[in-house]
């Protein structure tokens, strides 16, 4: 019995040391390029969203998936991302075509209007 107690205690002590000092959430996927890979479709980068905004963004993606080639979302960007994308405030939604950034906004409703116009061919 003492052996089991000591074994459990050793496991708890070992596992408690595995906690990372940096609790910042890192994205699972870091794109090498944020350009769309498909002509006529867009790649969207969404940075600095709240949990509610992430849910709304996913719904937006589902609604316009026929014109979205992919997306990258990160609610806690690091300094390198902020500088690389020239981001000064949150949230920000950036739309890329196959060549360049084509649209940027901090309002999801404006992003939705932009995608709706693109879907309708305006």
Protein backbone atom coordinates (compact mmCIF):
# COMPACT_ATOMS: atom_id res chain seq x y z
CA UNK A 1 0.00 0.00 0.00
CA UNK A 2 2.82 2.39 0.87
CA UNK A 3 4.44 1.61 -2.47
CA UNK A 4 1.27 2.65 -4.38
CA UNK A 5 1.02 5.82 -2.30
CA UNK A 6 4.65 6.73 -3.03
CA UNK A 7 4.23 5.90 -6.73
CA UNK A 8 1.17 8.16 -6.99
CA UNK A 9 2.94 10.94 -5.09
CA UNK A 10 5.98 10.69 -7.40
CA UNK A 11 3.71 10.85 -10.47
CA UNK A 12 1.91 13.94 -9.15
CA UNK A 13 5.18 15.72 -8.39
CA UNK A 14 6.58 14.83 -11.81
CA UNK A 15 3.47 15.92 -13.70
CA UNK A 16 3.13 19.17 -11.76
CA UNK A 17 6.55 20.18 -13.07
CA UNK A 18 5.29 19.84 -16.65
CA UNK A 19 3.23 23.03 -16.52
CA UNK A 20 4.54 25.59 -18.99
CA UNK A 21 5.44 29.01 -17.65
CA UNK A 22 4.05 30.64 -20.81
CA UNK A 23 0.31 30.03 -20.92
CA UNK A 24 -0.21 32.10 -24.08
CA UNK A 25 -2.27 30.24 -26.63
CA UNK A 26 -0.39 29.57 -29.83
CA UNK A 27 -2.12 28.80 -33.11
CA UNK A 28 -2.07 25.23 -34.31
CA UNK A 29 -1.24 26.33 -37.83
CA UNK A 30 1.02 29.12 -38.95
CA UNK A 31 0.55 29.75 -42.65
CA UNK A 32 3.63 30.25 -44.78
CA UNK A 33 1.59 32.39 -47.13
CA UNK A 34 -1.67 34.15 -46.53
CA UNK A 35 -2.50 34.41 -50.20
CA UNK A 36 -5.33 32.40 -51.64
CA UNK A 37 -4.26 29.39 -53.63
CA UNK A 38 -7.38 29.48 -55.81
CA UNK A 39 -8.24 32.15 -58.36
CA UNK A 40 -11.60 33.76 -57.56
CA UNK A 41 -11.42 32.72 -53.90
CA UNK A 42 -10.10 34.55 -50.85
CA UNK A 43 -7.96 33.74 -47.85
CA UNK A 44 -8.98 35.46 -44.63
CA UNK A 45 -6.76 36.25 -41.67
CA UNK A 46 -8.60 37.04 -38.44
CA UNK A 47 -6.57 38.28 -35.48
CA UNK A 48 -7.47 39.27 -31.93
CA UNK A 49 -11.02 37.95 -31.77
CA UNK A 50 -12.95 37.20 -28.60
CA UNK A 51 -14.57 33.80 -28.11
CA UNK A 52 -17.92 35.16 -29.30
CA UNK A 53 -16.31 36.71 -32.37
CA UNK A 54 -14.57 33.40 -33.15
CA UNK A 55 -17.97 31.69 -33.17
CA UNK A 56 -19.44 34.38 -35.45
CA UNK A 57 -16.39 34.16 -37.72
CA UNK A 58 -16.85 30.39 -38.07
CA UNK A 59 -20.49 30.96 -39.04
CA UNK A 60 -19.38 33.57 -41.59
CA UNK A 61 -16.84 31.13 -43.02
CA UNK A 62 -19.52 28.43 -43.30
CA UNK A 63 -21.86 30.87 -45.07
CA UNK A 64 -19.29 32.01 -47.65
CA UNK A 65 -17.13 28.90 -47.97
CA UNK A 66 -17.75 28.80 -51.73
CA UNK A 67 -15.57 31.92 -52.12
CA UNK A 68 -13.13 31.34 -49.25
CA UNK A 69 -10.11 29.15 -49.97
CA UNK A 70 -9.04 29.12 -46.32
CA UNK A 71 -8.47 31.15 -43.22
CA UNK A 72 -6.06 31.73 -40.37
CA UNK A 73 -7.43 32.79 -36.99
CA UNK A 74 -5.41 33.67 -33.90
CA UNK A 75 -6.95 35.29 -30.85
CA UNK A 76 -3.59 35.91 -29.15
CA UNK A 77 -1.07 37.00 -31.79
CA UNK A 78 2.57 37.49 -30.94
CA UNK A 79 4.57 40.63 -31.65
CA UNK A 80 6.04 39.17 -34.85
CA UNK A 81 2.57 38.62 -36.34
CA UNK A 82 1.44 42.10 -35.37
CA UNK A 83 4.44 43.69 -37.06
CA UNK A 84 4.36 41.45 -40.14
CA UNK A 85 0.68 42.19 -40.76
CA UNK A 86 0.84 45.85 -39.64
CA UNK A 87 -1.82 45.33 -36.99
CA UNK A 88 -2.44 48.10 -34.47
CA UNK A 89 -5.84 47.19 -33.00
CA UNK A 90 -8.14 44.23 -32.45
CA UNK A 91 -9.98 42.54 -33.90
CA UNK A 92 -8.79 42.78 -37.48
CA UNK A 93 -9.95 40.85 -40.53
CA UNK A 94 -7.70 40.84 -43.59
CA UNK A 95 -8.74 39.44 -46.96
CA UNK A 96 -6.18 38.26 -49.52
CA UNK A 97 -6.63 37.19 -53.11
CA UNK A 98 -3.97 35.22 -55.00
CA UNK A 99 -1.68 38.26 -55.29
CA UNK A 100 -2.12 40.66 -52.38
CA UNK A 101 -4.18 42.03 -49.50
CA UNK A 102 -7.45 43.30 -50.97
CA UNK A 103 -9.49 44.32 -47.92
CA UNK A 104 -9.04 45.05 -44.21
CA UNK A 105 -11.57 45.90 -41.52
CA UNK A 106 -12.09 45.74 -37.78
CA UNK A 107 -15.84 45.06 -38.12
CA UNK A 108 -17.16 41.59 -38.91
CA UNK A 109 -20.33 43.07 -40.42
CA UNK A 110 -18.17 44.96 -42.93
CA UNK A 111 -16.28 41.75 -43.73
CA UNK A 112 -19.61 40.04 -44.32
CA UNK A 113 -20.76 42.83 -46.67
CA UNK A 114 -17.49 42.59 -48.59
CA UNK A 115 -17.83 38.82 -48.99
CA UNK A 116 -21.49 39.14 -49.95
CA UNK A 117 -20.62 41.63 -52.68
CA UNK A 118 -17.86 39.34 -53.95
CA UNK A 119 -20.19 36.36 -53.94
CA UNK A 120 -22.75 38.33 -55.98
CA UNK A 121 -20.03 39.47 -58.38
CA UNK A 122 -20.16 43.17 -57.48
